[in-house]
Protein backbone atom coordinates (compact mmCIF):
# COMPACT_ATOMS: atom_id res chain seq x y z
CA MET A 1 9.29 -38.79 6.22
CA GLN A 2 11.52 -40.01 9.04
CA GLU A 3 10.17 -43.05 10.93
CA PHE A 4 10.61 -43.60 14.65
CA SER A 5 10.31 -46.86 16.56
CA PRO A 6 9.15 -46.73 20.20
CA SER A 7 12.08 -46.58 22.62
CA PHE A 8 11.27 -45.62 26.20
CA THR A 9 7.71 -45.85 27.49
CA TYR A 10 6.99 -44.40 30.89
CA PRO A 11 6.09 -47.04 33.53
CA ASN A 12 2.38 -47.96 33.68
CA SER A 13 1.56 -45.90 30.60
CA PRO A 14 1.49 -47.52 27.17
CA TYR A 15 0.90 -44.22 25.36
CA LEU A 16 1.40 -40.69 26.71
CA LEU A 17 2.57 -39.34 30.03
CA PRO A 18 0.15 -40.58 32.71
CA HIS A 19 -2.01 -37.81 34.16
CA TRP A 20 -4.60 -39.78 36.08
CA GLN A 21 -7.49 -37.92 37.70
CA GLU A 22 -9.63 -38.87 40.69
CA SER A 23 -12.67 -36.62 40.28
CA ASP A 24 -15.04 -35.40 37.60
CA LEU A 25 -16.08 -32.43 39.77
CA TRP A 26 -12.79 -30.89 40.98
CA CYS A 27 -9.29 -30.53 39.56
CA GLY A 28 -6.04 -28.93 40.72
CA THR A 29 -6.62 -25.51 42.28
CA ASP A 30 -10.34 -25.81 41.50
CA THR A 31 -11.21 -27.39 44.84
CA GLU A 32 -14.44 -27.71 46.78
CA HIS A 33 -12.75 -25.93 49.71
CA LEU A 34 -11.88 -22.88 47.59
CA TYR A 35 -15.35 -22.90 46.05
CA ARG A 36 -16.94 -22.66 49.50
CA ILE A 37 -14.60 -19.82 50.47
CA ASN A 38 -15.59 -17.89 47.35
CA LEU A 39 -19.26 -18.54 48.05
CA GLU A 40 -18.81 -16.72 51.36
CA GLN A 41 -16.54 -13.93 50.19
CA ARG A 42 -18.11 -13.26 46.77
CA PRO A 43 -14.96 -11.99 45.02
CA PRO A 44 -15.51 -9.31 42.36
CA THR A 45 -16.17 -10.71 38.88
CA TRP A 46 -16.79 -14.21 40.39
CA SER A 47 -20.12 -15.61 39.21
CA TRP A 48 -19.78 -19.35 39.74
CA GLU A 49 -22.30 -19.82 42.55
CA ASN A 50 -24.69 -22.69 41.83
CA ARG A 51 -22.73 -23.63 38.70
CA VAL A 52 -21.40 -27.18 38.46
CA VAL A 53 -18.16 -27.82 36.56
CA ARG A 54 -17.74 -31.25 34.98
CA TYR A 55 -14.45 -32.80 33.94
CA THR A 56 -14.44 -35.74 31.52
CA TRP A 57 -11.21 -37.79 31.46
CA ASN A 58 -9.94 -40.51 29.17
CA ARG A 59 -8.12 -43.61 30.45
CA GLU A 60 -4.79 -41.80 30.77
CA GLY A 61 -6.27 -38.81 32.58
CA TYR A 62 -6.54 -36.35 29.73
CA ARG A 63 -9.54 -34.20 28.91
CA ALA A 64 -9.69 -35.84 25.52
CA PRO A 65 -11.22 -38.80 23.65
CA GLU A 66 -9.72 -42.25 24.02
CA TRP A 67 -6.65 -42.38 21.81
CA GLN A 68 -8.01 -45.15 19.58
CA ASP A 69 -10.93 -42.86 18.70
CA VAL A 70 -8.71 -40.04 17.40
CA ALA A 71 -8.13 -39.66 13.66
CA TRP A 72 -4.74 -38.00 14.18
CA PRO A 73 -4.03 -36.81 10.59
CA GLU A 74 -7.35 -34.90 10.65
CA THR A 75 -6.94 -33.55 14.19
CA HIS A 76 -5.27 -30.51 15.74
CA VAL A 77 -3.41 -30.87 19.06
CA ILE A 78 -2.91 -28.33 21.85
CA MET A 79 -0.19 -29.09 24.39
CA GLY A 80 0.35 -27.18 27.62
CA CYS A 81 -0.48 -26.93 31.30
CA SER A 82 -3.67 -26.17 33.25
CA HIS A 83 -4.61 -23.28 30.95
CA VAL A 84 -4.98 -25.80 28.14
CA LEU A 85 -6.52 -28.46 30.38
CA GLY A 86 -9.19 -25.96 31.39
CA VAL A 87 -9.02 -25.94 35.19
CA GLY A 88 -12.20 -24.37 36.57
CA VAL A 89 -14.31 -24.50 33.39
CA ASN A 90 -16.68 -27.05 31.88
CA ASP A 91 -15.73 -29.36 29.03
CA PRO A 92 -17.48 -27.23 26.35
CA ASP A 93 -15.62 -24.10 27.53
CA THR A 94 -12.08 -25.45 27.18
CA LEU A 95 -9.66 -23.92 24.69
CA SER A 96 -9.64 -27.14 22.67
CA ASN A 97 -13.42 -27.32 22.35
CA ASN A 98 -13.67 -23.64 21.42
CA LEU A 99 -10.99 -24.11 18.78
CA SER A 100 -12.77 -27.17 17.40
CA ILE A 101 -15.92 -25.07 16.97
CA GLN A 102 -13.95 -22.28 15.29
CA LEU A 103 -12.23 -24.61 12.82
CA GLY A 104 -15.02 -27.14 12.35
CA GLU A 105 -12.40 -29.85 12.93
CA PRO A 106 -11.44 -32.07 15.89
CA VAL A 107 -8.94 -30.79 18.46
CA VAL A 108 -7.25 -32.94 21.12
CA ASN A 109 -6.56 -31.39 24.54
CA LEU A 110 -3.15 -32.50 25.87
CA GLY A 111 -3.13 -30.06 28.79
CA ILE A 112 -1.54 -31.35 32.01
CA GLY A 113 -2.22 -29.64 35.33
CA GLY A 114 1.13 -28.33 36.63
CA GLY A 115 2.73 -29.43 33.37
CA SER A 116 6.18 -28.25 32.38
CA ALA A 117 8.30 -27.90 29.27
CA GLN A 118 9.65 -31.39 29.97
CA SER A 119 6.18 -32.96 29.96
CA ILE A 120 5.49 -31.32 26.59
CA GLN A 121 8.78 -32.63 25.24
CA TYR A 122 8.03 -36.14 26.50
CA ASN A 123 4.57 -36.25 24.91
CA THR A 124 6.00 -34.88 21.67
CA MET A 125 8.50 -37.74 21.60
CA ARG A 126 5.82 -40.34 22.33
CA LEU A 127 3.32 -39.06 19.76
CA ILE A 128 5.99 -39.18 17.08
CA GLU A 129 7.20 -42.64 18.14
CA LEU A 130 3.62 -43.92 18.00
CA GLY A 131 3.12 -42.41 14.55
CA TRP A 132 0.32 -40.16 15.80
CA LEU A 133 1.02 -37.12 13.63
CA PRO A 134 -1.69 -34.44 13.88
CA LYS A 135 -2.66 -31.76 11.40
CA THR A 136 -1.13 -28.98 13.53
CA VAL A 137 0.34 -28.65 17.01
CA THR A 138 -0.03 -25.64 19.29
CA ILE A 139 2.33 -25.45 22.28
CA SER A 140 1.14 -23.21 25.10
CA ILE A 141 4.40 -22.74 26.98
CA PRO A 142 4.10 -23.28 30.76
CA GLU A 143 5.87 -21.16 33.34
CA LEU A 144 9.54 -21.79 32.57
CA THR A 145 10.87 -22.65 36.05
CA ARG A 146 8.67 -25.72 36.52
CA MET A 147 10.26 -29.14 36.63
CA ALA A 148 9.08 -32.65 35.78
CA TYR A 149 10.61 -35.38 37.95
CA PHE A 150 10.30 -39.02 36.86
CA ASP A 151 10.51 -41.74 39.48
CA ASP A 152 9.90 -45.50 39.14
CA HIS A 153 6.12 -45.29 39.28
CA THR A 154 4.88 -41.82 38.45
CA ILE A 155 5.80 -38.27 37.53
CA HIS A 156 5.92 -35.26 39.84
CA HIS A 157 5.24 -31.75 38.55
CA PHE A 158 7.01 -29.09 40.62
CA THR A 159 6.44 -25.33 40.69
CA PRO A 160 8.26 -22.75 42.85
CA ALA A 161 5.10 -22.09 44.89
CA TRP A 162 5.41 -25.58 46.39
CA LEU A 163 8.74 -24.84 48.08
CA THR A 164 9.14 -23.96 51.74
CA PRO A 165 12.74 -22.74 52.15
CA GLY A 166 14.69 -24.68 54.74
CA GLU A 167 12.05 -27.40 55.14
CA ASN A 168 12.38 -29.35 51.88
CA LEU A 169 13.76 -32.86 51.77
CA GLY A 170 14.46 -35.35 49.03
CA VAL A 171 13.50 -34.38 45.51
CA LEU A 172 12.24 -30.95 46.61
CA LYS A 173 15.77 -30.18 47.76
CA LEU A 174 16.91 -31.11 44.27
CA TYR A 175 14.30 -28.71 42.88
CA GLU A 176 15.61 -25.89 45.08
CA HIS A 177 19.01 -26.37 43.46
CA TRP A 178 17.36 -26.66 40.04
CA LEU A 179 16.10 -23.09 40.50
CA ARG A 180 19.58 -21.72 41.32
CA PRO A 181 21.23 -19.95 39.61
CA LYS A 182 18.31 -18.16 37.97
CA PRO A 183 19.14 -18.89 34.30
CA HIS A 184 19.37 -22.66 34.88
CA ALA A 185 15.71 -23.73 35.02
CA GLU A 186 14.57 -21.29 32.35
CA LEU A 187 17.35 -22.37 30.00
CA TYR A 188 16.41 -26.04 30.34
CA ALA A 189 12.75 -25.19 29.69
CA ARG A 190 13.59 -23.17 26.60
CA MET A 191 15.72 -26.04 25.27
CA ALA A 192 12.88 -28.50 25.88
CA ILE A 193 10.31 -26.35 24.07
CA LYS A 194 12.65 -25.64 21.18
CA GLY A 195 13.42 -29.36 20.99
CA ALA A 196 9.72 -30.26 20.84
CA GLU A 197 9.13 -27.61 18.18
CA ALA A 198 12.04 -28.92 16.11
CA MET A 199 10.78 -32.52 16.31
CA TRP A 200 7.34 -31.54 15.03
CA ARG A 201 8.74 -29.44 12.22
CA PHE A 202 11.10 -32.25 11.23
CA MET A 203 8.07 -34.52 10.88
CA GLY A 204 6.32 -31.96 8.67
CA VAL A 205 3.76 -30.85 11.30
CA PRO A 206 3.15 -27.08 11.55
CA VAL A 207 3.73 -25.69 15.06
CA ILE A 208 2.32 -22.58 16.73
CA LEU A 209 3.76 -21.26 20.00
CA ARG A 210 1.95 -19.18 22.60
CA HIS A 211 2.81 -18.21 26.16
CA ALA A 212 0.49 -17.36 29.03
CA SER A 213 3.30 -15.88 31.13
CA ARG A 214 4.43 -12.32 30.55
CA THR A 215 7.95 -12.73 31.92
CA GLU A 216 10.93 -11.53 29.92
CA GLY A 217 12.08 -15.07 29.12
CA ALA A 218 8.64 -16.00 27.85
CA SER A 219 8.30 -13.00 25.57
CA GLN A 220 11.53 -14.00 23.83
CA MET A 221 10.05 -17.37 22.88
CA ALA A 222 6.51 -16.77 21.65
CA PRO A 223 3.65 -14.26 21.53
CA ASN A 224 1.47 -14.06 24.62
CA TRP A 225 -2.12 -15.19 24.64
CA PRO A 226 -4.56 -12.25 24.65
CA ALA A 227 -5.25 -10.70 28.05
CA TYR A 228 -7.87 -12.26 30.33
CA VAL A 229 -11.42 -10.95 30.13
CA ASP A 230 -12.80 -13.29 32.81
CA TYR A 231 -11.71 -16.01 35.26
CA ALA A 232 -12.47 -19.67 35.90
CA ARG A 233 -14.10 -20.94 39.08
CA ASP A 234 -10.82 -21.18 41.06
CA LEU A 235 -10.40 -17.45 41.79
CA ILE A 236 -8.01 -16.85 44.69
CA ARG A 237 -6.03 -14.01 46.32
CA ASP A 238 -2.29 -14.00 45.71
CA GLY A 239 0.34 -12.82 48.20
CA HIS A 240 -0.31 -9.20 47.23
CA GLY A 241 -4.06 -9.37 47.81
CA GLN A 242 -4.88 -9.45 44.11
CA TYR A 243 -7.34 -11.97 42.70
CA ILE A 244 -5.83 -14.45 40.27
CA GLY A 245 -7.03 -17.65 38.65
CA HIS A 246 -7.21 -19.61 35.46
CA PRO A 247 -8.77 -18.17 32.28
CA GLY A 248 -12.56 -18.24 32.18
CA PRO A 249 -14.94 -19.24 29.38
CA ALA A 250 -14.93 -15.86 27.60
CA THR A 251 -11.11 -15.69 27.74
CA LEU A 252 -10.70 -19.19 26.33
CA ALA A 253 -13.15 -18.39 23.54
CA LEU A 254 -11.07 -15.29 22.74
CA TRP A 255 -7.87 -17.34 22.70
CA ALA A 256 -9.49 -19.88 20.39
CA ARG A 257 -10.49 -17.19 17.89
CA ASP A 258 -6.94 -15.80 17.93
CA LEU A 259 -5.47 -19.27 17.43
CA ALA A 260 -7.93 -20.28 14.72
CA ASP A 261 -6.98 -17.21 12.69
CA GLU A 262 -3.32 -18.23 12.77
CA ILE A 263 -4.05 -21.87 11.92
CA ARG A 264 -6.12 -20.80 8.92
CA SER A 265 -3.19 -18.67 7.71
CA LEU A 266 -0.71 -21.58 7.70
C-alpha cells in the first residue's frame, strides 16, 4: 500500500478541514427565525412544532466522535454537504447514524454545511495523509457550482444563492467569474470528485458515489439518492413559491437502507 506523509495542513486545524459550530440548537438554514416563521404559517407536511433538534459537535465542528476515538479500519465514512451533516434533524436521525444501525458498524459523519467538491477532496487528502483509512467511503456529491475559498485563517463555502449581481466585492467577485462560463465550475467540481474517488481506490478503500442534485451534470457522475418522503425542520419557500428543505428523518432512513444494501454487496 502506498504511504503518504503529511504535507499541507490547513491553518488552525491539525486534522481535517475546520468546520467549527457555535450552537447545539441551530445550524445553517435551520435557524430560530425560520422556525418561528413556520410556527406561524404551518407549512404543509411540517410537523416540527414543540420538537427540539440537538446538534452534537466534535472539536473540529463535525457531527462525529473525536478523531482519537474512531477505529478507522472498522468504520465507514460518509462525506458530503448539509444533507450528510443532517441540517434540521436530531443526531439519531442523521444519515450516518441510520447507516450505522443498518450495518451494525460505526459510521463517521463528515458532512460540512455548504460543503463543496473541493472540501471533499481536501478531507480525502488529509485522511490519507494521516493514515486514517476507513472500511468504505461514501461521497454524497454536493451541488457542482459551489466553491471553497481558502484564506489565511479560515475557509469560505460559496453557493450561487449568495450572490447579488452588481453588488459583490472581493472574493465574491471572483466567485461570479468562477461561475462563468457555465462549464467551468461544474468541470472543476467533477475533477475534484473524481480525484477524491481515485485517491481512495488507489489506497484500496471501496467508494460509493451518490448525488442529491438531479441536474444533468450530476446524473452523469453518480446515481441520485431516493426521492424525499419528508423534510427536516428548515422548510422554506423558494423563489417559485414551492416548499423546499433538507431531507427529513424518514428520508434519511430510506437513504441509509439504500446505501447499506450497496455496501453489503461490495
